[in-house]
């Protein structure tokens, strides 16, 4: 070993310590195999053992339905998990992140752009987007989002509904 270089125990290449995972309790504080070789080893293990591990987990879940349900509920309710699920949903559906949605809400002053109310629950915020182009227009409360959806996002229908309400209340 020469200074900050280390020979990988698998491929034998001399590489800088940054190319090794850290490991407490070792002389130099890093694992013996480089990151590339560690990934190859993990992939080989996964390919060889994945099916057995999944089968064992499914058998445990079948034998312990209450424990499994309890764990799943606790897992889904973790703040970091909720954030990750929001991120996946927004990315898959609108091509944006949860941070993008939070920034839009902040730009709107924390209120729905139509009614000006602040929903009590995070789940009551909805990304408003054009169904033809996919362009995100803003963040709405659930009521306003469903309202414009029921009117098929048609401004003429919405104006007609507003005119009707104005004339019917006289």
Foldseek 3Di string as FASTA:
>chain_A
DPDQWAQAPPPRDIDGQVQFDADPPDPVRGDRHGPVVVVVVVVVCCVVCVVVVVVVVVVVCVVCVPVVVVVVVVQCPDPVNVQVVQQVVCCVQQVDGVVVQVVLCVVCVQAAPPPRHHDPDPVQKDFDADPVPSHTDGIHGNVVNVVCVVVVVDVVSVVVVVVCVVVVVD
